[in-house]
C-alpha atoms as a PDB file:
ATOM      1  CA  MET A   1     -36.108-102.092 117.264  1.00  0.00           C
ATOM      2  CA  ASN A   2     -35.845-101.109 121.126  1.00  0.00           C
ATOM      3  CA  SER A   3     -37.056 -97.522 122.252  1.00  0.00           C
ATOM      4  CA  ASN A   4     -33.305 -96.563 122.402  1.00  0.00           C
ATOM      5  CA  THR A   5     -32.730 -96.907 118.956  1.00  0.00           C
ATOM      6  CA  ILE A   6     -31.708 -94.134 116.916  1.00  0.00           C
ATOM      7  CA  ILE A   7     -33.695 -93.508 114.097  1.00  0.00           C
ATOM      8  CA  LEU A   8     -31.697 -91.386 110.808  1.00  0.00           C
ATOM      9  CA  LYS A   9     -34.038 -90.090 108.218  1.00  0.00           C
ATOM     10  CA  THR A  10     -33.000 -89.868 104.828  1.00  0.00           C
ATOM     11  CA  ASP A  11     -33.939 -86.861 102.628  1.00  0.00           C
ATOM     12  CA  GLU A  12     -37.273 -87.767 101.746  1.00  0.00           C
ATOM     13  CA  GLU A  13     -38.172 -88.368 105.055  1.00  0.00           C
ATOM     14  CA  ILE A  14     -36.441 -84.951 106.267  1.00  0.00           C
ATOM     15  CA  GLU A  15     -38.422 -82.990 103.597  1.00  0.00           C
ATOM     16  CA  PHE A  16     -41.875 -84.438 104.946  1.00  0.00           C
ATOM     17  CA  MET A  17     -41.268 -83.205 108.558  1.00  0.00           C
ATOM     18  CA  ARG A  18     -40.042 -80.326 107.466  1.00  0.00           C
ATOM     19  CA  GLU A  19     -43.483 -79.554 105.831  1.00  0.00           C
ATOM     20  CA  ALA A  20     -45.143 -81.211 109.169  1.00  0.00           C
ATOM     21  CA  ASN A  21     -42.767 -78.523 111.351  1.00  0.00           C
ATOM     22  CA  ARG A  22     -43.724 -75.513 109.122  1.00  0.00           C
ATOM     23  CA  LEU A  23     -47.365 -76.106 109.516  1.00  0.00           C
ATOM     24  CA  VAL A  24     -46.156 -75.909 113.095  1.00  0.00           C
ATOM     25  CA  GLY A  25     -44.210 -72.541 112.838  1.00  0.00           C
ATOM     26  CA  MET A  26     -47.775 -71.407 110.836  1.00  0.00           C
ATOM     27  CA  THR A  27     -50.154 -72.354 113.905  1.00  0.00           C
ATOM     28  CA  LEU A  28     -47.678 -70.411 116.260  1.00  0.00           C
ATOM     29  CA  GLY A  29     -48.147 -67.507 113.654  1.00  0.00           C
ATOM     30  CA  GLU A  30     -51.988 -67.968 113.423  1.00  0.00           C
ATOM     31  CA  VAL A  31     -51.961 -68.355 117.576  1.00  0.00           C
ATOM     32  CA  SER A  32     -49.778 -65.247 117.794  1.00  0.00           C
ATOM     33  CA  LYS A  33     -52.629 -62.898 116.289  1.00  0.00           C
ATOM     34  CA  HIS A  34     -54.849 -63.724 119.339  1.00  0.00           C
ATOM     35  CA  ILE A  35     -52.189 -63.264 122.427  1.00  0.00           C
ATOM     36  CA  LYS A  36     -53.661 -60.218 124.566  1.00  0.00           C
ATOM     37  CA  PRO A  37     -54.922 -59.699 127.699  1.00  0.00           C
ATOM     38  CA  GLY A  38     -58.503 -61.316 128.170  1.00  0.00           C
ATOM     39  CA  VAL A  39     -57.976 -64.220 126.133  1.00  0.00           C
ATOM     40  CA  THR A  40     -58.127 -67.891 127.431  1.00  0.00           C
ATOM     41  CA  THR A  41     -55.764 -70.214 126.832  1.00  0.00           C
ATOM     42  CA  LEU A  42     -58.486 -72.677 125.931  1.00  0.00           C
ATOM     43  CA  GLU A  43     -59.456 -70.210 123.286  1.00  0.00           C
ATOM     44  CA  LEU A  44     -55.777 -69.972 122.012  1.00  0.00           C
ATOM     45  CA  ASP A  45     -56.273 -73.928 122.038  1.00  0.00           C
ATOM     46  CA  LYS A  46     -59.220 -73.947 119.806  1.00  0.00           C
ATOM     47  CA  ILE A  47     -57.790 -71.798 117.236  1.00  0.00           C
ATOM     48  CA  ALA A  48     -54.483 -74.012 116.886  1.00  0.00           C
ATOM     49  CA  GLU A  49     -56.974 -76.936 116.475  1.00  0.00           C
ATOM     50  CA  THR A  50     -59.040 -75.783 114.183  1.00  0.00           C
ATOM     51  CA  PHE A  51     -56.153 -74.248 112.068  1.00  0.00           C
ATOM     52  CA  ILE A  52     -54.193 -77.515 112.074  1.00  0.00           C
ATOM     53  CA  ARG A  53     -56.767 -79.662 110.914  1.00  0.00           C
ATOM     54  CA  ASP A  54     -58.159 -77.089 108.093  1.00  0.00           C
ATOM     55  CA  HIS A  55     -54.777 -77.202 106.729  1.00  0.00           C
ATOM     56  CA  ASP A  56     -55.149 -81.160 106.554  1.00  0.00           C
ATOM     57  CA  ALA A  57     -53.221 -82.527 109.513  1.00  0.00           C
ATOM     58  CA  VAL A  58     -54.060 -83.816 113.230  1.00  0.00           C
ATOM     59  CA  PRO A  59     -52.758 -82.139 116.324  1.00  0.00           C
ATOM     60  CA  THR A  60     -50.052 -84.275 117.517  1.00  0.00           C
ATOM     61  CA  PHE A  61     -50.608 -83.068 121.358  1.00  0.00           C
ATOM     62  CA  LEU A  62     -54.066 -84.336 121.496  1.00  0.00           C
ATOM     63  CA  GLY A  63     -55.137 -87.291 123.614  1.00  0.00           C
ATOM     64  CA  TYR A  64     -50.863 -88.242 123.487  1.00  0.00           C
ATOM     65  CA  GLY A  65     -50.359 -90.104 126.557  1.00  0.00           C
ATOM     66  CA  GLY A  66     -53.761 -89.176 127.512  1.00  0.00           C
ATOM     67  CA  PHE A  67     -52.809 -85.288 127.222  1.00  0.00           C
ATOM     68  CA  PRO A  68     -56.701 -83.340 126.768  1.00  0.00           C
ATOM     69  CA  LYS A  69     -55.895 -80.806 124.639  1.00  0.00           C
ATOM     70  CA  SER A  70     -54.266 -79.948 121.002  1.00  0.00           C
ATOM     71  CA  ILE A  71     -51.486 -77.325 122.432  1.00  0.00           C
ATOM     72  CA  CYS A  72     -49.777 -76.995 125.592  1.00  0.00           C
ATOM     73  CA  THR A  73     -49.623 -73.334 127.239  1.00  0.00           C
ATOM     74  CA  SER A  74     -47.603 -72.719 130.472  1.00  0.00           C
ATOM     75  CA  VAL A  75     -48.109 -69.143 131.960  1.00  0.00           C
ATOM     76  CA  ASN A  76     -45.434 -67.800 133.869  1.00  0.00           C
ATOM     77  CA  GLU A  77     -43.874 -70.178 136.372  1.00  0.00           C
ATOM     78  CA  ALA A  78     -45.340 -73.371 134.555  1.00  0.00           C
ATOM     79  CA  VAL A  79     -42.409 -74.504 132.515  1.00  0.00           C
ATOM     80  CA  VAL A  80     -44.273 -76.957 130.041  1.00  0.00           C
ATOM     81  CA  HIS A  81     -47.274 -79.031 129.645  1.00  0.00           C
ATOM     82  CA  GLY A  82     -49.951 -76.547 130.720  1.00  0.00           C
ATOM     83  CA  ILE A  83     -52.936 -77.967 130.092  1.00  0.00           C
ATOM     84  CA  PRO A  84     -55.335 -74.931 128.089  1.00  0.00           C
ATOM     85  CA  ASN A  85     -57.943 -73.562 130.607  1.00  0.00           C
ATOM     86  CA  ASN A  86     -60.456 -70.489 130.836  1.00  0.00           C
ATOM     87  CA  THR A  87     -58.293 -68.631 132.983  1.00  0.00           C
ATOM     88  CA  PRO A  88     -58.058 -65.132 130.995  1.00  0.00           C
ATOM     89  CA  LEU A  89     -54.358 -63.929 130.203  1.00  0.00           C
ATOM     90  CA  LYS A  90     -53.583 -61.012 131.758  1.00  0.00           C
ATOM     91  CA  GLU A  91     -51.126 -58.263 131.198  1.00  0.00           C
ATOM     92  CA  GLY A  92     -47.981 -58.722 132.062  1.00  0.00           C
ATOM     93  CA  ASP A  93     -47.930 -62.635 131.560  1.00  0.00           C
ATOM     94  CA  ILE A  94     -46.218 -64.721 129.184  1.00  0.00           C
ATOM     95  CA  VAL A  95     -47.104 -67.978 128.032  1.00  0.00           C
ATOM     96  CA  SER A  96     -45.086 -70.819 126.324  1.00  0.00           C
ATOM     97  CA  VAL A  97     -47.458 -72.107 123.748  1.00  0.00           C
ATOM     98  CA  ASP A  98     -45.815 -75.984 122.499  1.00  0.00           C
ATOM     99  CA  CYS A  99     -47.291 -77.290 119.369  1.00  0.00           C
ATOM    100  CA  GLY A 100     -46.963 -80.610 117.226  1.00  0.00           C
ATOM    101  CA  THR A 101     -48.584 -81.613 113.909  1.00  0.00           C
ATOM    102  CA  THR A 102     -48.843 -84.988 112.502  1.00  0.00           C
ATOM    103  CA  THR A 103     -49.113 -84.544 108.446  1.00  0.00           C
ATOM    104  CA  LYS A 104     -51.115 -87.287 106.025  1.00  0.00           C
ATOM    105  CA  CYS A 105     -47.221 -88.504 105.571  1.00  0.00           C
ATOM    106  CA  GLY A 106     -47.113 -89.529 108.792  1.00  0.00           C
ATOM    107  CA  TYR A 107     -44.457 -87.288 109.871  1.00  0.00           C
ATOM    108  CA  CYS A 108     -44.353 -84.959 113.248  1.00  0.00           C
ATOM    109  CA  GLY A 109     -43.529 -80.932 113.921  1.00  0.00           C
ATOM    110  CA  ASP A 110     -43.257 -79.766 117.109  1.00  0.00           C
ATOM    111  CA  SER A 111     -41.908 -76.287 118.191  1.00  0.00           C
ATOM    112  CA  ALA A 112     -42.714 -73.601 121.234  1.00  0.00           C
ATOM    113  CA  TYR A 113     -42.311 -70.274 121.827  1.00  0.00           C
ATOM    114  CA  THR A 114     -42.749 -68.006 124.420  1.00  0.00           C
ATOM    115  CA  PHE A 115     -44.825 -65.379 123.971  1.00  0.00           C
ATOM    116  CA  CYS A 116     -45.171 -61.874 126.164  1.00  0.00           C
ATOM    117  CA  VAL A 117     -48.791 -60.855 127.134  1.00  0.00           C
ATOM    118  CA  GLY A 118     -49.278 -57.333 126.429  1.00  0.00           C
ATOM    119  CA  GLU A 119     -46.098 -55.377 128.346  1.00  0.00           C
ATOM    120  CA  VAL A 120     -43.837 -57.064 130.035  1.00  0.00           C
ATOM    121  CA  SER A 121     -40.957 -56.250 132.672  1.00  0.00           C
ATOM    122  CA  PRO A 122     -37.796 -55.712 131.612  1.00  0.00           C
ATOM    123  CA  GLU A 123     -36.444 -58.706 133.584  1.00  0.00           C
ATOM    124  CA  VAL A 124     -39.008 -61.095 132.538  1.00  0.00           C
ATOM    125  CA  LYS A 125     -37.851 -60.003 128.696  1.00  0.00           C
ATOM    126  CA  ARG A 126     -33.994 -60.924 129.351  1.00  0.00           C
ATOM    127  CA  LEU A 127     -34.940 -64.258 130.422  1.00  0.00           C
ATOM    128  CA  LEU A 128     -36.991 -64.642 127.399  1.00  0.00           C
ATOM    129  CA  LYS A 129     -34.276 -63.118 125.313  1.00  0.00           C
ATOM    130  CA  VAL A 130     -31.096 -65.616 127.080  1.00  0.00           C
ATOM    131  CA  THR A 131     -33.366 -68.623 126.413  1.00  0.00           C
ATOM    132  CA  GLU A 132     -34.064 -67.713 122.870  1.00  0.00           C
ATOM    133  CA  GLU A 133     -30.268 -67.259 122.250  1.00  0.00           C
ATOM    134  CA  SER A 134     -29.461 -70.308 124.168  1.00  0.00           C
ATOM    135  CA  LEU A 135     -31.705 -72.218 121.540  1.00  0.00           C
ATOM    136  CA  TYR A 136     -29.592 -71.537 118.735  1.00  0.00           C
ATOM    137  CA  ILE A 137     -26.491 -71.774 120.496  1.00  0.00           C
ATOM    138  CA  GLY A 138     -27.476 -75.430 121.160  1.00  0.00           C
ATOM    139  CA  ILE A 139     -28.283 -75.812 117.797  1.00  0.00           C
ATOM    140  CA  ALA A 140     -24.501 -74.652 116.284  1.00  0.00           C
ATOM    141  CA  GLN A 141     -23.674 -77.381 118.439  1.00  0.00           C
ATOM    142  CA  ALA A 142     -25.597 -79.853 116.498  1.00  0.00           C
ATOM    143  CA  ALA A 143     -22.599 -81.023 113.675  1.00  0.00           C
ATOM    144  CA  GLU A 144     -22.123 -83.980 112.951  1.00  0.00           C
ATOM    145  CA  GLY A 145     -19.045 -85.730 114.842  1.00  0.00           C
ATOM    146  CA  ASN A 146     -20.349 -83.670 117.882  1.00  0.00           C
ATOM    147  CA  ARG A 147     -21.768 -85.090 120.648  1.00  0.00           C
ATOM    148  CA  ILE A 148     -25.203 -85.033 122.326  1.00  0.00           C
ATOM    149  CA  GLY A 149     -23.969 -83.273 126.069  1.00  0.00           C
ATOM    150  CA  ASP A 150     -21.735 -80.366 123.056  1.00  0.00           C
ATOM    151  CA  ILE A 151     -25.849 -79.231 122.647  1.00  0.00           C
ATOM    152  CA  GLY A 152     -26.708 -79.129 126.599  1.00  0.00           C
ATOM    153  CA  ALA A 153     -23.404 -78.296 127.799  1.00  0.00           C
ATOM    154  CA  ALA A 154     -23.556 -74.921 125.301  1.00  0.00           C
ATOM    155  CA  ILE A 155     -27.067 -74.301 126.782  1.00  0.00           C
ATOM    156  CA  GLN A 156     -26.196 -75.262 130.238  1.00  0.00           C
ATOM    157  CA  ARG A 157     -22.870 -72.291 129.732  1.00  0.00           C
ATOM    158  CA  TYR A 158     -24.404 -69.886 128.316  1.00  0.00           C
ATOM    159  CA  CYS A 159     -28.129 -69.683 130.757  1.00  0.00           C
ATOM    160  CA  GLU A 160     -26.229 -69.909 133.984  1.00  0.00           C
ATOM    161  CA  SER A 161     -23.390 -67.659 132.744  1.00  0.00           C
ATOM    162  CA  LYS A 162     -26.476 -65.012 132.598  1.00  0.00           C
ATOM    163  CA  GLY A 163     -27.905 -65.897 135.994  1.00  0.00           C
ATOM    164  CA  TYR A 164     -30.569 -68.420 135.013  1.00  0.00           C
ATOM    165  CA  SER A 165     -31.139 -71.592 136.019  1.00  0.00           C
ATOM    166  CA  VAL A 166     -31.562 -75.077 133.616  1.00  0.00           C
ATOM    167  CA  VAL A 167     -34.382 -77.305 134.362  1.00  0.00           C
ATOM    168  CA  ARG A 168     -33.500 -80.729 134.429  1.00  0.00           C
ATOM    169  CA  GLU A 169     -36.206 -83.783 135.031  1.00  0.00           C
ATOM    170  CA  LEU A 170     -37.128 -82.402 131.048  1.00  0.00           C
ATOM    171  CA  VAL A 171     -35.295 -82.631 128.041  1.00  0.00           C
ATOM    172  CA  GLY A 172     -35.362 -82.625 124.431  1.00  0.00           C
ATOM    173  CA  HIS A 173     -35.643 -85.787 122.236  1.00  0.00           C
ATOM    174  CA  GLY A 174     -35.382 -87.589 119.029  1.00  0.00           C
ATOM    175  CA  ILE A 175     -38.361 -86.803 116.663  1.00  0.00           C
ATOM    176  CA  GLY A 176     -39.643 -88.458 113.253  1.00  0.00           C
ATOM    177  CA  ARG A 177     -43.008 -90.807 112.499  1.00  0.00           C
ATOM    178  CA  LYS A 178     -43.696 -90.372 116.661  1.00  0.00           C
ATOM    179  CA  MET A 179     -43.076 -87.442 118.311  1.00  0.00           C
ATOM    180  CA  HIS A 180     -40.338 -88.779 120.798  1.00  0.00           C
ATOM    181  CA  GLU A 181     -38.148 -90.863 119.429  1.00  0.00           C
ATOM    182  CA  ALA A 182     -34.412 -91.324 120.662  1.00  0.00           C
ATOM    183  CA  PRO A 183     -32.039 -89.481 121.604  1.00  0.00           C
ATOM    184  CA  GLU A 184     -33.039 -87.632 124.606  1.00  0.00           C
ATOM    185  CA  VAL A 185     -31.421 -83.918 124.462  1.00  0.00           C
ATOM    186  CA  PRO A 186     -30.650 -82.753 128.067  1.00  0.00           C
ATOM    187  CA  ASN A 187     -30.525 -78.763 128.167  1.00  0.00           C
ATOM    188  CA  TYR A 188     -27.710 -79.250 130.573  1.00  0.00           C
ATOM    189  CA  GLY A 189     -24.541 -81.997 130.687  1.00  0.00           C
ATOM    190  CA  ARG A 190     -20.803 -82.391 129.705  1.00  0.00           C
ATOM    191  CA  ARG A 191     -19.246 -81.899 126.427  1.00  0.00           C
ATOM    192  CA  GLY A 192     -18.202 -84.878 124.324  1.00  0.00           C
ATOM    193  CA  THR A 193     -20.701 -86.955 126.285  1.00  0.00           C
ATOM    194  CA  GLY A 194     -23.812 -89.022 124.423  1.00  0.00           C
ATOM    195  CA  PRO A 195     -24.475 -90.334 121.280  1.00  0.00           C
ATOM    196  CA  LEU A 196     -22.425 -89.123 118.100  1.00  0.00           C
ATOM    197  CA  ILE A 197     -24.119 -86.320 116.102  1.00  0.00           C
ATOM    198  CA  LYS A 198     -25.077 -88.461 112.842  1.00  0.00           C
ATOM    199  CA  ASN A 199     -26.038 -87.011 109.073  1.00  0.00           C
ATOM    200  CA  GLY A 200     -29.689 -87.909 109.247  1.00  0.00           C
ATOM    201  CA  LEU A 201     -30.575 -87.029 113.159  1.00  0.00           C
ATOM    202  CA  CYS A 202     -33.549 -85.448 113.624  1.00  0.00           C
ATOM    203  CA  ILE A 203     -34.054 -83.763 117.105  1.00  0.00           C
ATOM    204  CA  ALA A 204     -36.168 -80.998 119.153  1.00  0.00           C
ATOM    205  CA  ILE A 205     -33.834 -79.004 121.146  1.00  0.00           C
ATOM    206  CA  GLU A 206     -35.371 -77.063 123.485  1.00  0.00           C
ATOM    207  CA  PRO A 207     -34.366 -74.884 126.683  1.00  0.00           C
ATOM    208  CA  MET A 208     -36.415 -75.062 129.456  1.00  0.00           C
ATOM    209  CA  ILE A 209     -35.175 -71.815 131.567  1.00  0.00           C
ATOM    210  CA  ASN A 210     -35.900 -70.217 135.112  1.00  0.00           C
ATOM    211  CA  MET A 211     -35.655 -67.316 136.394  1.00  0.00           C
ATOM    212  CA  GLY A 212     -34.862 -68.557 139.819  1.00  0.00           C
ATOM    213  CA  SER A 213     -34.376 -71.714 141.036  1.00  0.00           C
ATOM    214  CA  LYS A 214     -33.835 -74.742 138.784  1.00  0.00           C
ATOM    215  CA  ASN A 215     -36.043 -76.838 140.880  1.00  0.00           C
ATOM    216  CA  VAL A 216     -39.887 -77.630 139.467  1.00  0.00           C
ATOM    217  CA  VAL A 217     -42.806 -79.492 140.628  1.00  0.00           C
ATOM    218  CA  PHE A 218     -44.895 -81.438 138.685  1.00  0.00           C
ATOM    219  CA  GLU A 219     -48.910 -79.886 139.630  1.00  0.00           C
ATOM    220  CA  LYS A 220     -51.826 -82.809 140.714  1.00  0.00           C
ATOM    221  CA  ASP A 221     -53.089 -82.448 137.054  1.00  0.00           C
ATOM    222  CA  GLY A 222     -50.546 -84.935 135.649  1.00  0.00           C
ATOM    223  CA  TRP A 223     -49.226 -82.535 133.248  1.00  0.00           C
ATOM    224  CA  THR A 224     -48.306 -78.837 134.331  1.00  0.00           C
ATOM    225  CA  VAL A 225     -44.752 -78.786 135.648  1.00  0.00           C
ATOM    226  CA  ARG A 226     -44.310 -75.423 137.483  1.00  0.00           C
ATOM    227  CA  THR A 227     -41.058 -73.954 138.870  1.00  0.00           C
ATOM    228  CA  LYS A 228     -40.951 -74.665 142.867  1.00  0.00           C
ATOM    229  CA  ASP A 229     -40.037 -71.177 143.745  1.00  0.00           C
ATOM    230  CA  ARG A 230     -43.124 -69.615 141.468  1.00  0.00           C
ATOM    231  CA  LYS A 231     -40.714 -67.393 139.522  1.00  0.00           C
ATOM    232  CA  PRO A 232     -40.514 -67.470 135.748  1.00  0.00           C
ATOM    233  CA  ALA A 233     -39.818 -69.711 133.202  1.00  0.00           C
ATOM    234  CA  ALA A 234     -39.018 -69.629 129.559  1.00  0.00           C
ATOM    235  CA  HIS A 235     -39.413 -72.375 127.139  1.00  0.00           C
ATOM    236  CA  PHE A 236     -37.890 -72.395 123.077  1.00  0.00           C
ATOM    237  CA  GLU A 237     -37.922 -75.059 120.864  1.00  0.00           C
ATOM    238  CA  HIS A 238     -37.075 -75.773 117.522  1.00  0.00           C
ATOM    239  CA  THR A 239     -36.850 -79.296 115.134  1.00  0.00           C
ATOM    240  CA  VAL A 240     -33.605 -79.937 113.317  1.00  0.00           C
ATOM    241  CA  ALA A 241     -32.618 -82.279 111.214  1.00  0.00           C
ATOM    242  CA  ILE A 242     -28.535 -82.566 110.229  1.00  0.00           C
ATOM    243  CA  ARG A 243     -27.549 -82.355 107.067  1.00  0.00           C
ATOM    244  CA  ASN A 244     -24.507 -81.803 105.160  1.00  0.00           C
ATOM    245  CA  GLY A 245     -22.931 -82.084 108.405  1.00  0.00           C
ATOM    246  CA  LYS A 246     -25.071 -79.320 110.031  1.00  0.00           C
ATOM    247  CA  ALA A 247     -27.962 -78.658 111.653  1.00  0.00           C
ATOM    248  CA  ASP A 248     -30.809 -77.926 108.940  1.00  0.00           C
ATOM    249  CA  ILE A 249     -33.868 -75.804 111.085  1.00  0.00           C
ATOM    250  CA  LEU A 250     -36.951 -77.357 109.783  1.00  0.00           C
ATOM    251  CA  SER A 251     -39.831 -75.444 112.694  1.00  0.00           C
ATOM    252  CA  THR A 252     -39.691 -71.853 111.909  1.00  0.00           C
ATOM    253  CA  PHE A 253     -40.861 -68.513 114.261  1.00  0.00           C
ATOM    254  CA  GLU A 254     -41.195 -66.370 110.729  1.00  0.00           C
ATOM    255  CA  PHE A 255     -44.697 -66.392 110.811  1.00  0.00           C
ATOM    256  CA  ILE A 256     -44.972 -64.893 115.230  1.00  0.00           C
ATOM    257  CA  GLN A 257     -46.637 -61.788 114.965  1.00  0.00           C
ATOM    258  CA  GLY A 258     -45.997 -58.602 117.843  1.00  0.00           C
ATOM    259  CA  THR A 259     -43.585 -60.028 119.118  1.00  0.00           C
ATOM    260  CA  SER A 260     -40.836 -57.922 120.418  1.00  0.00           C
ATOM    261  CA  ASN A 261     -38.777 -60.042 123.364  1.00  0.00           C
END
């Protein structure tokens, strides 16, 4: 089986994945209790790792491709893959927390949420609102008989209509026993293109939307991706399964506290 083979999941496998994704949602909820000015992303990482292990799972990101921490924390102009560090968060910052878990059943969960740190400017709040809305607009296109390109086309059309830009270098992905499986799920593109969406498909849809230009820079740490113009970026992600012809959202934001985007 090559890396481009799409692995459709059984109902039983999807329920295993729901368990892993629920734990991701619970972990994001636990982390959300601690996000405030003065807290470091390294502290958030330790909270997340402890919580995941206390629930009999492992943080998927830790060691994945050499990644050194358990969650990705991307602050302000960092789009994704930020490495937790000792720099305190400041009033007015935003931070994307991307989290993955692998349960004892061997299946992965993956979800991300961009949080406000204290009081954030109206312009940045609007970016977060539109990006989160675009996630659900994309999910609505994840239906049996549609194409993967329909998802990205809907996200791109919505975000660009609001004056924002869509990152091209990074995309969503299939997910299952591995964190990254086929197919790639871009947040841009043309309707009617890409692989056919079938029941049993499990994918992570994750709009990465910039306030300014779509152009990004890969930092010297080998992981962090930031906007070239250093304007803020937002990132939201859900894992979904196609069941009975439509998207079943396996991850959840229901545990997240103190957010009012």
